[in-house]
Amino acid sequence: MHIRDAVEADLAAIVAIYNSTIACQAVTADLSPVTVESRLHWFHTHSSDKRPLWVVDAEGEVAGWLGFQSFYYGRPAYDAAAELSIYVSPAYRRQGIGQALLKQAIARSSAFNIKTLLGFIFAHNHPSLRLFEQFGFQQWGYLPGVAEFEAVPRDLVIVGLQFNDH
């Protein structure tokens, strides 16, 4: 297994992994599956030198992915901050893929001129909260009831990590 930049040929697998999380209502705020076509623009907003999109390649199969998203896109004062999204294929969960992706994101942030990493995680998504906490992320915000799934309000936790050595 190794981490590499995603290519457009990976997009179907990236979308499939993303869509696999929708039904559990704990990972994403999308309520219905997305299409490859609908994610093309999003895919092309990533760049290997500033806001990469990485996949974990497990013998030719995409096992998971991590994307850097600009925080508050279009506002230059926020260029040194990025939001992370991590998704792992159901067949590869609990095998350290999320840890490997997050470890690499932290290690390479300075190469992308990123001083602040953010995560937006539902409060009931305990595995993701634990993952980010393991790497030193702290809770920076709590938004009660901002999402709703089948009339059930859900809270959102904002976690962050800042680098002072950049």
C-alpha atoms as a PDB file:
ATOM      1  CA  MET A   1       0.000   0.000   0.000  1.00  0.00           C
ATOM      2  CA  HIS A   2       1.227   3.471  -0.788  1.00  0.00           C
ATOM      3  CA  ILE A   3      -0.120   7.011  -0.874  1.00  0.00           C
ATOM      4  CA  ARG A   4      -0.047   8.854  -4.165  1.00  0.00           C
ATOM      5  CA  ASP A   5      -1.697  11.796  -5.889  1.00  0.00           C
ATOM      6  CA  ALA A   6      -5.111  10.915  -7.254  1.00  0.00           C
ATOM      7  CA  VAL A   7      -5.634  10.874 -11.004  1.00  0.00           C
ATOM      8  CA  GLU A   8      -8.939  11.312 -12.778  1.00  0.00           C
ATOM      9  CA  ALA A   9      -9.139   7.553 -13.349  1.00  0.00           C
ATOM     10  CA  ASP A  10      -9.414   7.189  -9.548  1.00  0.00           C
ATOM     11  CA  LEU A  11     -12.505   9.387  -9.344  1.00  0.00           C
ATOM     12  CA  ALA A  12     -15.036   6.544  -9.691  1.00  0.00           C
ATOM     13  CA  ALA A  13     -13.421   4.731  -6.742  1.00  0.00           C
ATOM     14  CA  ILE A  14     -13.206   7.963  -4.716  1.00  0.00           C
ATOM     15  CA  VAL A  15     -16.919   8.589  -5.315  1.00  0.00           C
ATOM     16  CA  ALA A  16     -17.819   4.988  -4.459  1.00  0.00           C
ATOM     17  CA  ILE A  17     -15.955   5.224  -1.151  1.00  0.00           C
ATOM     18  CA  TYR A  18     -17.628   8.548  -0.391  1.00  0.00           C
ATOM     19  CA  ASN A  19     -21.064   7.188  -1.255  1.00  0.00           C
ATOM     20  CA  SER A  20     -20.481   4.175   1.007  1.00  0.00           C
ATOM     21  CA  THR A  21     -20.584   6.526   4.001  1.00  0.00           C
ATOM     22  CA  ILE A  22     -23.850   8.314   3.251  1.00  0.00           C
ATOM     23  CA  ALA A  23     -26.245   5.721   4.674  1.00  0.00           C
ATOM     24  CA  CYS A  24     -24.625   5.705   8.134  1.00  0.00           C
ATOM     25  CA  GLN A  25     -25.358   9.434   8.542  1.00  0.00           C
ATOM     26  CA  ALA A  26     -22.229   9.959  10.616  1.00  0.00           C
ATOM     27  CA  VAL A  27     -19.571  10.985   8.113  1.00  0.00           C
ATOM     28  CA  THR A  28     -21.003  13.330   5.491  1.00  0.00           C
ATOM     29  CA  ALA A  29     -23.930  15.705   5.298  1.00  0.00           C
ATOM     30  CA  ASP A  30     -24.947  14.448   1.868  1.00  0.00           C
ATOM     31  CA  LEU A  31     -28.240  12.588   2.029  1.00  0.00           C
ATOM     32  CA  SER A  32     -28.093  10.840  -1.328  1.00  0.00           C
ATOM     33  CA  PRO A  33     -25.264   9.439  -3.459  1.00  0.00           C
ATOM     34  CA  VAL A  34     -23.195  11.763  -5.608  1.00  0.00           C
ATOM     35  CA  THR A  35     -22.103  11.020  -9.167  1.00  0.00           C
ATOM     36  CA  VAL A  36     -18.671  11.003 -10.736  1.00  0.00           C
ATOM     37  CA  GLU A  37     -19.822  13.762 -13.075  1.00  0.00           C
ATOM     38  CA  SER A  38     -20.980  15.938 -10.168  1.00  0.00           C
ATOM     39  CA  ARG A  39     -17.535  15.594  -8.526  1.00  0.00           C
ATOM     40  CA  LEU A  40     -15.405  16.447 -11.574  1.00  0.00           C
ATOM     41  CA  HIS A  41     -15.143  20.164 -10.730  1.00  0.00           C
ATOM     42  CA  TRP A  42     -14.304  19.303  -7.109  1.00  0.00           C
ATOM     43  CA  PHE A  43     -11.617  16.886  -8.322  1.00  0.00           C
ATOM     44  CA  HIS A  44     -10.023  19.567 -10.490  1.00  0.00           C
ATOM     45  CA  THR A  45      -9.911  22.090  -7.614  1.00  0.00           C
ATOM     46  CA  HIS A  46      -7.140  19.971  -6.109  1.00  0.00           C
ATOM     47  CA  SER A  47      -3.501  20.427  -7.056  1.00  0.00           C
ATOM     48  CA  SER A  48      -0.500  18.383  -6.023  1.00  0.00           C
ATOM     49  CA  ASP A  49       1.457  21.506  -5.029  1.00  0.00           C
ATOM     50  CA  LYS A  50      -1.149  23.358  -2.920  1.00  0.00           C
ATOM     51  CA  ARG A  51      -4.342  21.383  -2.159  1.00  0.00           C
ATOM     52  CA  PRO A  52      -3.649  17.745  -3.000  1.00  0.00           C
ATOM     53  CA  LEU A  53      -6.029  14.842  -3.268  1.00  0.00           C
ATOM     54  CA  TRP A  54      -4.333  11.607  -2.298  1.00  0.00           C
ATOM     55  CA  VAL A  55      -5.377   7.991  -2.571  1.00  0.00           C
ATOM     56  CA  VAL A  56      -4.076   4.935  -0.811  1.00  0.00           C
ATOM     57  CA  ASP A  57      -3.260   2.442  -3.529  1.00  0.00           C
ATOM     58  CA  ALA A  58      -3.582  -1.156  -2.344  1.00  0.00           C
ATOM     59  CA  GLU A  59      -2.315  -3.281  -5.217  1.00  0.00           C
ATOM     60  CA  GLY A  60      -4.136  -1.219  -7.816  1.00  0.00           C
ATOM     61  CA  GLU A  61      -7.267  -0.675  -5.754  1.00  0.00           C
ATOM     62  CA  VAL A  62      -8.158   2.638  -4.090  1.00  0.00           C
ATOM     63  CA  ALA A  63      -8.469   1.795  -0.394  1.00  0.00           C
ATOM     64  CA  GLY A  64      -9.027   5.322   0.861  1.00  0.00           C
ATOM     65  CA  TRP A  65      -8.450   8.966   0.135  1.00  0.00           C
ATOM     66  CA  LEU A  66      -7.643  12.312   1.708  1.00  0.00           C
ATOM     67  CA  GLY A  67      -8.399  15.713   0.285  1.00  0.00           C
ATOM     68  CA  PHE A  68      -7.168  19.160   1.275  1.00  0.00           C
ATOM     69  CA  GLN A  69      -9.818  21.841   0.786  1.00  0.00           C
ATOM     70  CA  SER A  70      -9.218  25.549   1.059  1.00  0.00           C
ATOM     71  CA  PHE A  71     -10.853  26.984   4.147  1.00  0.00           C
ATOM     72  CA  TYR A  72     -13.226  29.804   3.260  1.00  0.00           C
ATOM     73  CA  TYR A  73     -12.299  29.544  -0.420  1.00  0.00           C
ATOM     74  CA  GLY A  74     -11.633  32.810  -2.200  1.00  0.00           C
ATOM     75  CA  ARG A  75     -10.505  34.704   0.890  1.00  0.00           C
ATOM     76  CA  PRO A  76      -6.700  35.090   0.638  1.00  0.00           C
ATOM     77  CA  ALA A  77      -6.178  35.709   4.359  1.00  0.00           C
ATOM     78  CA  TYR A  78      -7.173  32.057   4.913  1.00  0.00           C
ATOM     79  CA  ASP A  79      -4.715  30.579   2.393  1.00  0.00           C
ATOM     80  CA  ALA A  80      -2.591  29.072   5.171  1.00  0.00           C
ATOM     81  CA  ALA A  81      -5.549  27.023   6.458  1.00  0.00           C
ATOM     82  CA  ALA A  82      -6.971  23.850   4.956  1.00  0.00           C
ATOM     83  CA  GLU A  83      -9.797  21.496   5.805  1.00  0.00           C
ATOM     84  CA  LEU A  84      -9.076  17.780   5.598  1.00  0.00           C
ATOM     85  CA  SER A  85     -11.472  15.085   4.457  1.00  0.00           C
ATOM     86  CA  ILE A  86     -10.602  11.424   4.969  1.00  0.00           C
ATOM     87  CA  TYR A  87     -12.609   8.480   3.652  1.00  0.00           C
ATOM     88  CA  VAL A  88     -11.710   4.793   3.751  1.00  0.00           C
ATOM     89  CA  SER A  89     -13.278   1.969   1.766  1.00  0.00           C
ATOM     90  CA  PRO A  90     -15.422  -0.376   3.897  1.00  0.00           C
ATOM     91  CA  ALA A  91     -13.112  -3.296   2.995  1.00  0.00           C
ATOM     92  CA  TYR A  92     -10.080  -1.447   4.387  1.00  0.00           C
ATOM     93  CA  ARG A  93     -11.410   0.207   7.534  1.00  0.00           C
ATOM     94  CA  ARG A  94      -9.589  -0.290  10.842  1.00  0.00           C
ATOM     95  CA  GLN A  95      -6.325  -1.117   9.066  1.00  0.00           C
ATOM     96  CA  GLY A  96      -4.465   2.139   9.749  1.00  0.00           C
ATOM     97  CA  ILE A  97      -5.240   3.817   6.428  1.00  0.00           C
ATOM     98  CA  GLY A  98      -6.796   6.897   8.022  1.00  0.00           C
ATOM     99  CA  GLN A  99      -3.796   7.170  10.341  1.00  0.00           C
ATOM    100  CA  ALA A 100      -1.333   6.914   7.455  1.00  0.00           C
ATOM    101  CA  LEU A 101      -3.175   9.571   5.460  1.00  0.00           C
ATOM    102  CA  LEU A 102      -3.457  11.969   8.388  1.00  0.00           C
ATOM    103  CA  LYS A 103       0.184  11.441   9.373  1.00  0.00           C
ATOM    104  CA  GLN A 104       1.305  12.301   5.838  1.00  0.00           C
ATOM    105  CA  ALA A 105      -1.008  15.330   5.673  1.00  0.00           C
ATOM    106  CA  ILE A 106       0.525  16.722   8.851  1.00  0.00           C
ATOM    107  CA  ALA A 107       4.081  15.944   7.764  1.00  0.00           C
ATOM    108  CA  ARG A 108       3.670  17.589   4.353  1.00  0.00           C
ATOM    109  CA  SER A 109       1.569  20.609   5.322  1.00  0.00           C
ATOM    110  CA  SER A 110       4.553  22.957   5.352  1.00  0.00           C
ATOM    111  CA  ALA A 111       5.280  22.052   1.698  1.00  0.00           C
ATOM    112  CA  PHE A 112       1.827  23.436   0.861  1.00  0.00           C
ATOM    113  CA  ASN A 113       2.317  26.550   3.029  1.00  0.00           C
ATOM    114  CA  ILE A 114      -0.362  25.320   5.411  1.00  0.00           C
ATOM    115  CA  LYS A 115      -0.099  26.438   9.030  1.00  0.00           C
ATOM    116  CA  THR A 116      -3.536  25.323  10.188  1.00  0.00           C
ATOM    117  CA  LEU A 117      -5.371  22.064   9.530  1.00  0.00           C
ATOM    118  CA  LEU A 118      -9.071  21.751  10.257  1.00  0.00           C
ATOM    119  CA  GLY A 119     -11.531  18.909  10.461  1.00  0.00           C
ATOM    120  CA  PHE A 120     -15.320  19.163  10.521  1.00  0.00           C
ATOM    121  CA  ILE A 121     -16.603  16.009  12.205  1.00  0.00           C
ATOM    122  CA  PHE A 122     -20.056  15.031  13.431  1.00  0.00           C
ATOM    123  CA  ALA A 123     -20.069  14.705  17.220  1.00  0.00           C
ATOM    124  CA  HIS A 124     -21.439  11.152  16.996  1.00  0.00           C
ATOM    125  CA  ASN A 125     -18.565  10.062  14.700  1.00  0.00           C
ATOM    126  CA  HIS A 126     -16.379   8.849  17.548  1.00  0.00           C
ATOM    127  CA  PRO A 127     -13.827   6.939  15.397  1.00  0.00           C
ATOM    128  CA  SER A 128     -12.983  10.066  13.379  1.00  0.00           C
ATOM    129  CA  LEU A 129     -12.818  12.247  16.476  1.00  0.00           C
ATOM    130  CA  ARG A 130     -10.417   9.755  18.103  1.00  0.00           C
ATOM    131  CA  LEU A 131      -8.282   9.616  14.958  1.00  0.00           C
ATOM    132  CA  PHE A 132      -7.795  13.375  14.855  1.00  0.00           C
ATOM    133  CA  GLU A 133      -7.233  13.570  18.626  1.00  0.00           C
ATOM    134  CA  GLN A 134      -4.446  10.949  18.303  1.00  0.00           C
ATOM    135  CA  PHE A 135      -2.574  13.397  16.103  1.00  0.00           C
ATOM    136  CA  GLY A 136      -2.940  16.389  18.416  1.00  0.00           C
ATOM    137  CA  PHE A 137      -6.032  18.043  16.977  1.00  0.00           C
ATOM    138  CA  GLN A 138      -8.074  19.901  19.571  1.00  0.00           C
ATOM    139  CA  GLN A 139     -11.718  20.894  19.616  1.00  0.00           C
ATOM    140  CA  TRP A 140     -11.979  24.478  18.433  1.00  0.00           C
ATOM    141  CA  GLY A 141     -15.703  24.694  17.905  1.00  0.00           C
ATOM    142  CA  TYR A 142     -18.997  22.980  18.568  1.00  0.00           C
ATOM    143  CA  LEU A 143     -22.074  23.680  16.465  1.00  0.00           C
ATOM    144  CA  PRO A 144     -25.131  22.096  18.090  1.00  0.00           C
ATOM    145  CA  GLY A 145     -27.869  20.759  15.843  1.00  0.00           C
ATOM    146  CA  VAL A 146     -26.570  22.276  12.593  1.00  0.00           C
ATOM    147  CA  ALA A 147     -27.265  19.124  10.586  1.00  0.00           C
ATOM    148  CA  GLU A 148     -30.445  17.119  10.435  1.00  0.00           C
ATOM    149  CA  PHE A 149     -30.865  13.511   9.395  1.00  0.00           C
ATOM    150  CA  GLU A 150     -34.439  12.220   9.215  1.00  0.00           C
ATOM    151  CA  ALA A 151     -35.574  14.925  11.676  1.00  0.00           C
ATOM    152  CA  VAL A 152     -32.748  14.085  14.115  1.00  0.00           C
ATOM    153  CA  PRO A 153     -30.498  17.085  14.798  1.00  0.00           C
ATOM    154  CA  ARG A 154     -26.759  16.370  14.774  1.00  0.00           C
ATOM    155  CA  ASP A 155     -23.908  18.397  16.201  1.00  0.00           C
ATOM    156  CA  LEU A 156     -20.717  19.291  14.362  1.00  0.00           C
ATOM    157  CA  VAL A 157     -17.310  19.455  16.009  1.00  0.00           C
ATOM    158  CA  ILE A 158     -14.567  21.604  14.512  1.00  0.00           C
ATOM    159  CA  VAL A 159     -11.091  20.329  15.308  1.00  0.00           C
ATOM    160  CA  GLY A 160      -7.864  22.073  14.529  1.00  0.00           C
ATOM    161  CA  LEU A 161      -4.113  21.762  14.601  1.00  0.00           C
ATOM    162  CA  GLN A 162      -1.699  24.666  14.187  1.00  0.00           C
ATOM    163  CA  PHE A 163       1.951  24.586  13.300  1.00  0.00           C
ATOM    164  CA  ASN A 164       4.145  27.241  14.848  1.00  0.00           C
ATOM    165  CA  ASP A 165       7.326  26.159  13.111  1.00  0.00           C
ATOM    166  CA  HIS A 166       6.388  27.220   9.557  1.00  0.00           C
END
